[in-house]
PDB file of all heavy atoms in Angstrom:
ATOM      1  N   GLY A   1       0.817  -1.214   0.000  1.00  0.00           N
ATOM      2  CA  GLY A   1       0.000   0.000   0.000  1.00  0.00           C
ATOM      3  C   GLY A   1       0.846   1.258   0.000  1.00  0.00           C
ATOM      4  O   GLY A   1       0.453   2.294  -0.520  1.00  0.00           O
ATOM      5  N   MET A   2       2.037   1.167   0.576  1.00  0.00           N
ATOM      6  CA  MET A   2       2.947   2.318   0.577  1.00  0.00           C
ATOM      7  C   MET A   2       3.407   2.670  -0.830  1.00  0.00           C
ATOM      8  O   MET A   2       3.688   3.805  -1.143  1.00  0.00           O
ATOM      9  CB  MET A   2       4.172   2.043   1.458  1.00  0.00           C
ATOM     10  CG  MET A   2       3.849   1.916   2.934  1.00  0.00           C
ATOM     11  SD  MET A   2       3.146   3.438   3.622  1.00  0.00           S
ATOM     12  CE  MET A   2       1.428   3.006   3.770  1.00  0.00           C
ATOM     13  N   MET A   3       3.457   1.675  -1.709  1.00  0.00           N
ATOM     14  CA  MET A   3       3.843   1.945  -3.093  1.00  0.00           C
ATOM     15  C   MET A   3       2.763   2.777  -3.783  1.00  0.00           C
ATOM     16  O   MET A   3       3.044   3.592  -4.635  1.00  0.00           O
ATOM     17  CB  MET A   3       4.082   0.640  -3.836  1.00  0.00           C
ATOM     18  CG  MET A   3       5.276  -0.119  -3.291  1.00  0.00           C
ATOM     19  SD  MET A   3       5.441  -1.739  -3.996  1.00  0.00           S
ATOM     20  CE  MET A   3       6.146  -1.322  -5.571  1.00  0.00           C
ATOM     21  N   PHE A   4       1.520   2.548  -3.391  1.00  0.00           N
ATOM     22  CA  PHE A   4       0.413   3.300  -3.965  1.00  0.00           C
ATOM     23  C   PHE A   4       0.473   4.767  -3.553  1.00  0.00           C
ATOM     24  O   PHE A   4      -0.019   5.635  -4.245  1.00  0.00           O
ATOM     25  CB  PHE A   4      -0.906   2.676  -3.499  1.00  0.00           C
ATOM     26  CG  PHE A   4      -2.116   3.327  -4.081  1.00  0.00           C
ATOM     27  CD1 PHE A   4      -2.369   3.273  -5.436  1.00  0.00           C
ATOM     28  CD2 PHE A   4      -3.010   3.997  -3.269  1.00  0.00           C
ATOM     29  CE1 PHE A   4      -3.491   3.862  -5.975  1.00  0.00           C
ATOM     30  CE2 PHE A   4      -4.134   4.596  -3.791  1.00  0.00           C
ATOM     31  CZ  PHE A   4      -4.373   4.526  -5.154  1.00  0.00           C
ATOM     32  N   ALA A   5       1.111   5.041  -2.432  1.00  0.00           N
ATOM     33  CA  ALA A   5       1.184   6.410  -1.913  1.00  0.00           C
ATOM     34  C   ALA A   5       2.300   7.222  -2.563  1.00  0.00           C
ATOM     35  O   ALA A   5       2.656   8.280  -2.079  1.00  0.00           O
ATOM     36  CB  ALA A   5       1.381   6.376  -0.407  1.00  0.00           C
ATOM     37  N   ASN A   6       2.861   6.734  -3.656  1.00  0.00           N
ATOM     38  CA  ASN A   6       3.887   7.448  -4.429  1.00  0.00           C
ATOM     39  C   ASN A   6       5.197   7.635  -3.682  1.00  0.00           C
ATOM     40  O   ASN A   6       5.959   8.535  -3.989  1.00  0.00           O
ATOM     41  CB  ASN A   6       3.389   8.810  -4.929  1.00  0.00           C
ATOM     42  CG  ASN A   6       2.323   8.661  -5.980  1.00  0.00           C
ATOM     43  OD1 ASN A   6       2.347   7.705  -6.759  1.00  0.00           O
ATOM     44  ND2 ASN A   6       1.389   9.580  -6.005  1.00  0.00           N
ATOM     45  N   HIS A   7       5.467   6.800  -2.704  1.00  0.00           N
ATOM     46  CA  HIS A   7       6.756   6.873  -2.034  1.00  0.00           C
ATOM     47  C   HIS A   7       7.861   6.323  -2.934  1.00  0.00           C
ATOM     48  O   HIS A   7       9.021   6.638  -2.767  1.00  0.00           O
ATOM     49  CB  HIS A   7       6.743   6.105  -0.715  1.00  0.00           C
ATOM     50  CG  HIS A   7       5.846   6.712   0.312  1.00  0.00           C
ATOM     51  ND1 HIS A   7       5.984   8.012   0.743  1.00  0.00           N
ATOM     52  CD2 HIS A   7       4.791   6.207   0.996  1.00  0.00           C
ATOM     53  CE1 HIS A   7       5.053   8.281   1.650  1.00  0.00           C
ATOM     54  NE2 HIS A   7       4.320   7.198   1.815  1.00  0.00           N
ATOM     55  N   PHE A   8       7.462   5.469  -3.868  1.00  0.00           N
ATOM     56  CA  PHE A   8       8.420   4.850  -4.780  1.00  0.00           C
ATOM     57  C   PHE A   8       7.948   5.093  -6.218  1.00  0.00           C
ATOM     58  O   PHE A   8       7.342   4.217  -6.831  1.00  0.00           O
ATOM     59  CB  PHE A   8       8.525   3.350  -4.500  1.00  0.00           C
ATOM     60  CG  PHE A   8       8.842   3.033  -3.071  1.00  0.00           C
ATOM     61  CD1 PHE A   8       7.848   2.628  -2.183  1.00  0.00           C
ATOM     62  CD2 PHE A   8      10.141   3.154  -2.609  1.00  0.00           C
ATOM     63  CE1 PHE A   8       8.138   2.340  -0.869  1.00  0.00           C
ATOM     64  CE2 PHE A   8      10.441   2.875  -1.283  1.00  0.00           C
ATOM     65  CZ  PHE A   8       9.452   2.473  -0.410  1.00  0.00           C
ATOM     66  N   PRO A   9       8.200   6.274  -6.778  1.00  0.00           N
ATOM     67  CA  PRO A   9       7.682   6.618  -8.107  1.00  0.00           C
ATOM     68  C   PRO A   9       8.087   5.634  -9.204  1.00  0.00           C
ATOM     69  O   PRO A   9       7.313   5.387 -10.126  1.00  0.00           O
ATOM     70  CB  PRO A   9       8.273   8.003  -8.380  1.00  0.00           C
ATOM     71  CG  PRO A   9       8.688   8.528  -7.060  1.00  0.00           C
ATOM     72  CD  PRO A   9       8.970   7.363  -6.190  1.00  0.00           C
ATOM     73  N   ALA A  10       9.248   5.037  -9.107  1.00  0.00           N
ATOM     74  CA  ALA A  10       9.702   4.116 -10.152  1.00  0.00           C
ATOM     75  C   ALA A  10       8.835   2.858 -10.229  1.00  0.00           C
ATOM     76  O   ALA A  10       8.750   2.227 -11.278  1.00  0.00           O
ATOM     77  CB  ALA A  10      11.161   3.732  -9.922  1.00  0.00           C
ATOM     78  N   THR A  11       8.194   2.490  -9.148  1.00  0.00           N
ATOM     79  CA  THR A  11       7.387   1.267  -9.141  1.00  0.00           C
ATOM     80  C   THR A  11       5.886   1.542  -9.227  1.00  0.00           C
ATOM     81  O   THR A  11       5.092   0.613  -9.178  1.00  0.00           O
ATOM     82  CB  THR A  11       7.672   0.444  -7.875  1.00  0.00           C
ATOM     83  OG1 THR A  11       7.334   1.240  -6.735  1.00  0.00           O
ATOM     84  CG2 THR A  11       9.108  -0.005  -7.814  1.00  0.00           C
ATOM     85  N   LYS A  12       5.508   2.787  -9.385  1.00  0.00           N
ATOM     86  CA  LYS A  12       4.084   3.134  -9.373  1.00  0.00           C
ATOM     87  C   LYS A  12       3.313   2.412 -10.484  1.00  0.00           C
ATOM     88  O   LYS A  12       2.245   1.852 -10.243  1.00  0.00           O
ATOM     89  CB  LYS A  12       3.908   4.646  -9.507  1.00  0.00           C
ATOM     90  CG  LYS A  12       2.470   5.074  -9.412  1.00  0.00           C
ATOM     91  CD  LYS A  12       2.337   6.570  -9.480  1.00  0.00           C
ATOM     92  CE  LYS A  12       0.875   6.938  -9.439  1.00  0.00           C
ATOM     93  NZ  LYS A  12       0.686   8.366  -9.575  1.00  0.00           N
ATOM     94  N   GLU A  13       3.824   2.403 -11.691  1.00  0.00           N
ATOM     95  CA  GLU A  13       3.119   1.743 -12.795  1.00  0.00           C
ATOM     96  C   GLU A  13       3.031   0.241 -12.578  1.00  0.00           C
ATOM     97  O   GLU A  13       1.996  -0.360 -12.837  1.00  0.00           O
ATOM     98  CB  GLU A  13       3.808   2.054 -14.124  1.00  0.00           C
ATOM     99  CG  GLU A  13       3.579   3.473 -14.606  1.00  0.00           C
ATOM    100  CD  GLU A  13       2.095   3.807 -14.745  1.00  0.00           C
ATOM    101  OE1 GLU A  13       1.322   2.975 -15.283  1.00  0.00           O
ATOM    102  OE2 GLU A  13       1.687   4.892 -14.294  1.00  0.00           O
ATOM    103  N   LEU A  14       4.122  -0.356 -12.127  1.00  0.00           N
ATOM    104  CA  LEU A  14       4.109  -1.784 -11.840  1.00  0.00           C
ATOM    105  C   LEU A  14       3.076  -2.090 -10.760  1.00  0.00           C
ATOM    106  O   LEU A  14       2.309  -3.042 -10.881  1.00  0.00           O
ATOM    107  CB  LEU A  14       5.497  -2.252 -11.387  1.00  0.00           C
ATOM    108  CG  LEU A  14       5.598  -3.716 -10.959  1.00  0.00           C
ATOM    109  CD1 LEU A  14       5.359  -4.628 -12.155  1.00  0.00           C
ATOM    110  CD2 LEU A  14       6.961  -3.983 -10.345  1.00  0.00           C
ATOM    111  N   TYR A  15       3.057  -1.256  -9.752  1.00  0.00           N
ATOM    112  CA  TYR A  15       2.089  -1.462  -8.667  1.00  0.00           C
ATOM    113  C   TYR A  15       0.668  -1.400  -9.204  1.00  0.00           C
ATOM    114  O   TYR A  15      -0.158  -2.260  -8.914  1.00  0.00           O
ATOM    115  CB  TYR A  15       2.279  -0.425  -7.565  1.00  0.00           C
ATOM    116  CG  TYR A  15       1.262  -0.586  -6.468  1.00  0.00           C
ATOM    117  CD1 TYR A  15       1.417  -1.581  -5.515  1.00  0.00           C
ATOM    118  CD2 TYR A  15       0.133   0.211  -6.404  1.00  0.00           C
ATOM    119  CE1 TYR A  15       0.488  -1.770  -4.523  1.00  0.00           C
ATOM    120  CE2 TYR A  15      -0.806   0.026  -5.408  1.00  0.00           C
ATOM    121  CZ  TYR A  15      -0.626  -0.966  -4.468  1.00  0.00           C
ATOM    122  OH  TYR A  15      -1.558  -1.161  -3.494  1.00  0.00           O
ATOM    123  N   HIS A  16       0.382  -0.386  -9.996  1.00  0.00           N
ATOM    124  CA  HIS A  16      -0.978  -0.237 -10.519  1.00  0.00           C
ATOM    125  C   HIS A  16      -1.352  -1.371 -11.466  1.00  0.00           C
ATOM    126  O   HIS A  16      -2.513  -1.783 -11.490  1.00  0.00           O
ATOM    127  CB  HIS A  16      -1.137   1.116 -11.218  1.00  0.00           C
ATOM    128  CG  HIS A  16      -1.373   2.225 -10.263  1.00  0.00           C
ATOM    129  ND1 HIS A  16      -2.582   2.433  -9.654  1.00  0.00           N
ATOM    130  CD2 HIS A  16      -0.556   3.183  -9.785  1.00  0.00           C
ATOM    131  CE1 HIS A  16      -2.507   3.465  -8.852  1.00  0.00           C
ATOM    132  NE2 HIS A  16      -1.279   3.943  -8.905  1.00  0.00           N
ATOM    133  N   SER A  17      -0.415  -1.882 -12.200  1.00  0.00           N
ATOM    134  CA  SER A  17      -0.764  -2.921 -13.160  1.00  0.00           C
ATOM    135  C   SER A  17      -0.868  -4.305 -12.531  1.00  0.00           C
ATOM    136  O   SER A  17      -1.630  -5.130 -12.997  1.00  0.00           O
ATOM    137  CB  SER A  17       0.255  -2.951 -14.305  1.00  0.00           C
ATOM    138  OG  SER A  17       1.522  -3.314 -13.812  1.00  0.00           O
ATOM    139  N   ILE A  18      -0.118  -4.565 -11.487  1.00  0.00           N
ATOM    140  CA  ILE A  18      -0.101  -5.910 -10.911  1.00  0.00           C
ATOM    141  C   ILE A  18      -0.642  -5.946  -9.486  1.00  0.00           C
ATOM    142  O   ILE A  18      -1.640  -6.598  -9.194  1.00  0.00           O
ATOM    143  CB  ILE A  18       1.330  -6.497 -10.918  1.00  0.00           C
ATOM    144  CG1 ILE A  18       1.826  -6.633 -12.356  1.00  0.00           C
ATOM    145  CG2 ILE A  18       1.362  -7.852 -10.226  1.00  0.00           C
ATOM    146  CD1 ILE A  18       3.278  -7.025 -12.461  1.00  0.00           C
ATOM    147  N   TYR A  19       0.015  -5.251  -8.598  1.00  0.00           N
ATOM    148  CA  TYR A  19      -0.281  -5.395  -7.180  1.00  0.00           C
ATOM    149  C   TYR A  19      -1.602  -4.772  -6.751  1.00  0.00           C
ATOM    150  O   TYR A  19      -2.274  -5.292  -5.875  1.00  0.00           O
ATOM    151  CB  TYR A  19       0.852  -4.804  -6.336  1.00  0.00           C
ATOM    152  CG  TYR A  19       2.145  -5.541  -6.476  1.00  0.00           C
ATOM    153  CD1 TYR A  19       3.233  -4.965  -7.091  1.00  0.00           C
ATOM    154  CD2 TYR A  19       2.263  -6.833  -5.984  1.00  0.00           C
ATOM    155  CE1 TYR A  19       4.427  -5.655  -7.218  1.00  0.00           C
ATOM    156  CE2 TYR A  19       3.448  -7.523  -6.106  1.00  0.00           C
ATOM    157  CZ  TYR A  19       4.521  -6.932  -6.726  1.00  0.00           C
ATOM    158  OH  TYR A  19       5.680  -7.610  -6.847  1.00  0.00           O
ATOM    159  N   PHE A  20      -1.964  -3.665  -7.340  1.00  0.00           N
ATOM    160  CA  PHE A  20      -3.173  -2.981  -6.885  1.00  0.00           C
ATOM    161  C   PHE A  20      -4.385  -3.903  -6.943  1.00  0.00           C
ATOM    162  O   PHE A  20      -5.107  -4.053  -5.968  1.00  0.00           O
ATOM    163  CB  PHE A  20      -3.420  -1.709  -7.703  1.00  0.00           C
ATOM    164  CG  PHE A  20      -4.636  -0.967  -7.251  1.00  0.00           C
ATOM    165  CD1 PHE A  20      -4.592  -0.182  -6.118  1.00  0.00           C
ATOM    166  CD2 PHE A  20      -5.834  -1.072  -7.941  1.00  0.00           C
ATOM    167  CE1 PHE A  20      -5.715   0.500  -5.684  1.00  0.00           C
ATOM    168  CE2 PHE A  20      -6.954  -0.400  -7.513  1.00  0.00           C
ATOM    169  CZ  PHE A  20      -6.899   0.382  -6.389  1.00  0.00           C
ATOM    170  N   THR A  21      -4.601  -4.537  -8.088  1.00  0.00           N
ATOM    171  CA  THR A  21      -5.760  -5.416  -8.221  1.00  0.00           C
ATOM    172  C   THR A  21      -5.647  -6.605  -7.275  1.00  0.00           C
ATOM    173  O   THR A  21      -6.595  -6.937  -6.572  1.00  0.00           O
ATOM    174  CB  THR A  21      -5.888  -5.910  -9.674  1.00  0.00           C
ATOM    175  OG1 THR A  21      -6.034  -4.777 -10.513  1.00  0.00           O
ATOM    176  CG2 THR A  21      -7.092  -6.817  -9.837  1.00  0.00           C
ATOM    177  N   PHE A  22      -4.484  -7.224  -7.262  1.00  0.00           N
ATOM    178  CA  PHE A  22      -4.285  -8.388  -6.405  1.00  0.00           C
ATOM    179  C   PHE A  22      -4.425  -8.020  -4.930  1.00  0.00           C
ATOM    180  O   PHE A  22      -5.092  -8.704  -4.161  1.00  0.00           O
ATOM    181  CB  PHE A  22      -2.903  -8.987  -6.684  1.00  0.00           C
ATOM    182  CG  PHE A  22      -2.616 -10.225  -5.886  1.00  0.00           C
ATOM    183  CD1 PHE A  22      -3.310 -11.400  -6.130  1.00  0.00           C
ATOM    184  CD2 PHE A  22      -1.647 -10.222  -4.892  1.00  0.00           C
ATOM    185  CE1 PHE A  22      -3.052 -12.541  -5.396  1.00  0.00           C
ATOM    186  CE2 PHE A  22      -1.381 -11.358  -4.156  1.00  0.00           C
ATOM    187  CZ  PHE A  22      -2.082 -12.523  -4.411  1.00  0.00           C
ATOM    188  N   ASN A  23      -3.816  -6.913  -4.559  1.00  0.00           N
ATOM    189  CA  ASN A  23      -3.782  -6.484  -3.173  1.00  0.00           C
ATOM    190  C   ASN A  23      -5.141  -5.985  -2.688  1.00  0.00           C
ATOM    191  O   ASN A  23      -5.654  -6.431  -1.670  1.00  0.00           O
ATOM    192  CB  ASN A  23      -2.738  -5.378  -3.032  1.00  0.00           C
ATOM    193  CG  ASN A  23      -2.019  -5.418  -1.719  1.00  0.00           C
ATOM    194  OD1 ASN A  23      -2.151  -6.349  -0.965  1.00  0.00           O
ATOM    195  ND2 ASN A  23      -1.257  -4.389  -1.458  1.00  0.00           N
ATOM    196  N   ASN A  24      -5.726  -5.058  -3.387  1.00  0.00           N
ATOM    197  CA  ASN A  24      -6.968  -4.432  -2.940  1.00  0.00           C
ATOM    198  C   ASN A  24      -8.206  -5.262  -3.233  1.00  0.00           C
ATOM    199  O   ASN A  24      -9.211  -5.117  -2.546  1.00  0.00           O
ATOM    200  CB  ASN A  24      -7.129  -3.050  -3.548  1.00  0.00           C
ATOM    201  CG  ASN A  24      -6.228  -2.045  -2.894  1.00  0.00           C
ATOM    202  OD1 ASN A  24      -5.496  -2.373  -1.977  1.00  0.00           O
ATOM    203  ND2 ASN A  24      -6.259  -0.822  -3.352  1.00  0.00           N
ATOM    204  N   CYS A  25      -8.159  -6.080  -4.257  1.00  0.00           N
ATOM    205  CA  CYS A  25      -9.358  -6.840  -4.616  1.00  0.00           C
ATOM    206  C   CYS A  25      -9.349  -8.265  -4.076  1.00  0.00           C
ATOM    207  O   CYS A  25     -10.396  -8.890  -4.002  1.00  0.00           O
ATOM    208  CB  CYS A  25      -9.528  -6.869  -6.125  1.00  0.00           C
ATOM    209  SG  CYS A  25      -9.798  -5.226  -6.822  1.00  0.00           S
ATOM    210  N   TRP A  26      -8.186  -8.783  -3.720  1.00  0.00           N
ATOM    211  CA  TRP A  26      -8.141 -10.155  -3.241  1.00  0.00           C
ATOM    212  C   TRP A  26      -7.628 -10.269  -1.816  1.00  0.00           C
ATOM    213  O   TRP A  26      -8.345 -10.723  -0.934  1.00  0.00           O
ATOM    214  CB  TRP A  26      -7.262 -11.017  -4.169  1.00  0.00           C
ATOM    215  CG  TRP A  26      -7.913 -11.208  -5.493  1.00  0.00           C
ATOM    216  CD1 TRP A  26      -7.723 -10.456  -6.622  1.00  0.00           C
ATOM    217  CD2 TRP A  26      -8.900 -12.164  -5.826  1.00  0.00           C
ATOM    218  NE1 TRP A  26      -8.515 -10.903  -7.629  1.00  0.00           N
ATOM    219  CE2 TRP A  26      -9.263 -11.968  -7.174  1.00  0.00           C
ATOM    220  CE3 TRP A  26      -9.526 -13.183  -5.128  1.00  0.00           C
ATOM    221  CZ2 TRP A  26     -10.205 -12.750  -7.809  1.00  0.00           C
ATOM    222  CZ3 TRP A  26     -10.463 -13.962  -5.775  1.00  0.00           C
ATOM    223  CH2 TRP A  26     -10.786 -13.733  -7.097  1.00  0.00           C
ATOM    224  N   ILE A  27      -6.408  -9.876  -1.605  1.00  0.00           N
ATOM    225  CA  ILE A  27      -5.767 -10.145  -0.312  1.00  0.00           C
ATOM    226  C   ILE A  27      -6.528  -9.541   0.855  1.00  0.00           C
ATOM    227  O   ILE A  27      -6.900 -10.243   1.790  1.00  0.00           O
ATOM    228  CB  ILE A  27      -4.308  -9.656  -0.319  1.00  0.00           C
ATOM    229  CG1 ILE A  27      -3.484 -10.573  -1.196  1.00  0.00           C
ATOM    230  CG2 ILE A  27      -3.730  -9.620   1.085  1.00  0.00           C
ATOM    231  CD1 ILE A  27      -2.033 -10.225  -1.245  1.00  0.00           C
ATOM    232  N   ILE A  28      -6.772  -8.248   0.824  1.00  0.00           N
ATOM    233  CA  ILE A  28      -7.384  -7.609   1.990  1.00  0.00           C
ATOM    234  C   ILE A  28      -8.846  -8.026   2.154  1.00  0.00           C
ATOM    235  O   ILE A  28      -9.355  -8.070   3.270  1.00  0.00           O
ATOM    236  CB  ILE A  28      -7.214  -6.072   1.947  1.00  0.00           C
ATOM    237  CG1 ILE A  28      -7.297  -5.491   3.358  1.00  0.00           C
ATOM    238  CG2 ILE A  28      -8.220  -5.421   1.015  1.00  0.00           C
ATOM    239  CD1 ILE A  28      -6.208  -5.918   4.291  1.00  0.00           C
ATOM    240  N   ASN A  29      -9.502  -8.384   1.065  1.00  0.00           N
ATOM    241  CA  ASN A  29     -10.900  -8.821   1.150  1.00  0.00           C
ATOM    242  C   ASN A  29     -11.037 -10.236   1.699  1.00  0.00           C
ATOM    243  O   ASN A  29     -12.141 -10.668   2.006  1.00  0.00           O
ATOM    244  CB  ASN A  29     -11.577  -8.708  -0.212  1.00  0.00           C
ATOM    245  CG  ASN A  29     -11.786  -7.262  -0.601  1.00  0.00           C
ATOM    246  OD1 ASN A  29     -12.010  -6.409   0.246  1.00  0.00           O
ATOM    247  ND2 ASN A  29     -11.683  -6.980  -1.878  1.00  0.00           N
ATOM    248  N   ILE A  30      -9.938 -10.936   1.793  1.00  0.00           N
ATOM    249  CA  ILE A  30      -9.929 -12.254   2.433  1.00  0.00           C
ATOM    250  C   ILE A  30      -9.343 -12.141   3.834  1.00  0.00           C
ATOM    251  O   ILE A  30      -9.882 -12.692   4.790  1.00  0.00           O
ATOM    252  CB  ILE A  30      -9.135 -13.272   1.588  1.00  0.00           C
ATOM    253  CG1 ILE A  30      -9.844 -13.504   0.247  1.00  0.00           C
ATOM    254  CG2 ILE A  30      -8.945 -14.576   2.339  1.00  0.00           C
ATOM    255  CD1 ILE A  30      -9.022 -14.274  -0.756  1.00  0.00           C
ATOM    256  N   ALA A  31      -8.258 -11.405   3.954  1.00  0.00           N
ATOM    257  CA  ALA A  31      -7.525 -11.351   5.224  1.00  0.00           C
ATOM    258  C   ALA A  31      -8.320 -10.687   6.346  1.00  0.00           C
ATOM    259  O   ALA A  31      -8.355 -11.207   7.463  1.00  0.00           O
ATOM    260  CB  ALA A  31      -6.196 -10.626   5.027  1.00  0.00           C
ATOM    261  N   MET A  32      -8.933  -9.559   6.079  1.00  0.00           N
ATOM    262  CA  MET A  32      -9.640  -8.863   7.161  1.00  0.00           C
ATOM    263  C   MET A  32     -10.861  -9.641   7.658  1.00  0.00           C
ATOM    264  O   MET A  32     -11.012  -9.816   8.869  1.00  0.00           O
ATOM    265  CB  MET A  32     -10.026  -7.442   6.737  1.00  0.00           C
ATOM    266  CG  MET A  32      -8.849  -6.492   6.698  1.00  0.00           C
ATOM    267  SD  MET A  32      -7.857  -6.457   8.210  1.00  0.00           S
ATOM    268  CE  MET A  32      -9.041  -5.899   9.402  1.00  0.00           C
ATOM    269  N   PRO A  33     -11.737 -10.131   6.774  1.00  0.00           N
ATOM    270  CA  PRO A  33     -12.839 -10.950   7.299  1.00  0.00           C
ATOM    271  C   PRO A  33     -12.332 -12.189   8.050  1.00  0.00           C
ATOM    272  O   PRO A  33     -12.882 -12.551   9.082  1.00  0.00           O
ATOM    273  CB  PRO A  33     -13.627 -11.344   6.052  1.00  0.00           C
ATOM    274  CG  PRO A  33     -13.349 -10.256   5.082  1.00  0.00           C
ATOM    275  CD  PRO A  33     -11.919  -9.854   5.339  1.00  0.00           C
ATOM    276  N   MET A  34     -11.254 -12.813   7.550  1.00  0.00           N
ATOM    277  CA  MET A  34     -10.720 -13.991   8.218  1.00  0.00           C
ATOM    278  C   MET A  34     -10.171 -13.612   9.598  1.00  0.00           C
ATOM    279  O   MET A  34     -10.400 -14.330  10.578  1.00  0.00           O
ATOM    280  CB  MET A  34      -9.622 -14.642   7.382  1.00  0.00           C
ATOM    281  CG  MET A  34      -9.091 -15.915   8.004  1.00  0.00           C
ATOM    282  SD  MET A  34      -8.000 -16.963   6.997  1.00  0.00           S
ATOM    283  CE  MET A  34      -7.007 -15.852   6.095  1.00  0.00           C
ATOM    284  N   PHE A  35      -9.508 -12.493   9.693  1.00  0.00           N
ATOM    285  CA  PHE A  35      -8.953 -12.061  10.966  1.00  0.00           C
ATOM    286  C   PHE A  35     -10.070 -11.781  11.980  1.00  0.00           C
ATOM    287  O   PHE A  35      -9.994 -12.196  13.141  1.00  0.00           O
ATOM    288  CB  PHE A  35      -8.087 -10.814  10.762  1.00  0.00           C
ATOM    289  CG  PHE A  35      -7.112 -10.576  11.852  1.00  0.00           C
ATOM    290  CD1 PHE A  35      -5.926 -11.282  11.915  1.00  0.00           C
ATOM    291  CD2 PHE A  35      -7.368  -9.638  12.841  1.00  0.00           C
ATOM    292  CE1 PHE A  35      -5.013 -11.063  12.934  1.00  0.00           C
ATOM    293  CE2 PHE A  35      -6.468  -9.418  13.865  1.00  0.00           C
ATOM    294  CZ  PHE A  35      -5.288 -10.134  13.908  1.00  0.00           C
ATOM    295  N   VAL A  36     -11.124 -11.117  11.553  1.00  0.00           N
ATOM    296  CA  VAL A  36     -12.254 -10.825  12.448  1.00  0.00           C
ATOM    297  C   VAL A  36     -12.984 -12.116  12.812  1.00  0.00           C
ATOM    298  O   VAL A  36     -13.373 -12.327  13.966  1.00  0.00           O
ATOM    299  CB  VAL A  36     -13.205  -9.788  11.806  1.00  0.00           C
ATOM    300  CG1 VAL A  36     -14.426  -9.552  12.677  1.00  0.00           C
ATOM    301  CG2 VAL A  36     -12.477  -8.473  11.551  1.00  0.00           C
ATOM    302  N   PHE A  37     -13.151 -13.000  11.834  1.00  0.00           N
ATOM    303  CA  PHE A  37     -13.783 -14.299  12.062  1.00  0.00           C
ATOM    304  C   PHE A  37     -13.023 -15.090  13.129  1.00  0.00           C
ATOM    305  O   PHE A  37     -13.610 -15.633  14.060  1.00  0.00           O
ATOM    306  CB  PHE A  37     -13.817 -15.072  10.730  1.00  0.00           C
ATOM    307  CG  PHE A  37     -14.368 -16.459  10.829  1.00  0.00           C
ATOM    308  CD1 PHE A  37     -15.728 -16.684  10.663  1.00  0.00           C
ATOM    309  CD2 PHE A  37     -13.544 -17.542  11.070  1.00  0.00           C
ATOM    310  CE1 PHE A  37     -16.253 -17.968  10.743  1.00  0.00           C
ATOM    311  CE2 PHE A  37     -14.049 -18.828  11.157  1.00  0.00           C
ATOM    312  CZ  PHE A  37     -15.406 -19.046  10.987  1.00  0.00           C
ATOM    313  N   ILE A  38     -11.705 -15.143  12.997  1.00  0.00           N
ATOM    314  CA  ILE A  38     -10.865 -15.872  13.957  1.00  0.00           C
ATOM    315  C   ILE A  38     -10.961 -15.237  15.349  1.00  0.00           C
ATOM    316  O   ILE A  38     -11.035 -15.947  16.353  1.00  0.00           O
ATOM    317  CB  ILE A  38      -9.406 -15.932  13.470  1.00  0.00           C
ATOM    318  CG1 ILE A  38      -9.311 -16.834  12.240  1.00  0.00           C
ATOM    319  CG2 ILE A  38      -8.477 -16.415  14.572  1.00  0.00           C
ATOM    320  CD1 ILE A  38      -8.001 -16.736  11.501  1.00  0.00           C
TER     321      ILE A  38
END
């Protein structure tokens, strides 16, 4: 998520093309409900 905040401008495009979808649409949508469930 820190990459999304433009702390690392060289990786911004890579982040948006790969990690953003994976991170925001998959990982956190599984991890947070699982953490609260547990």
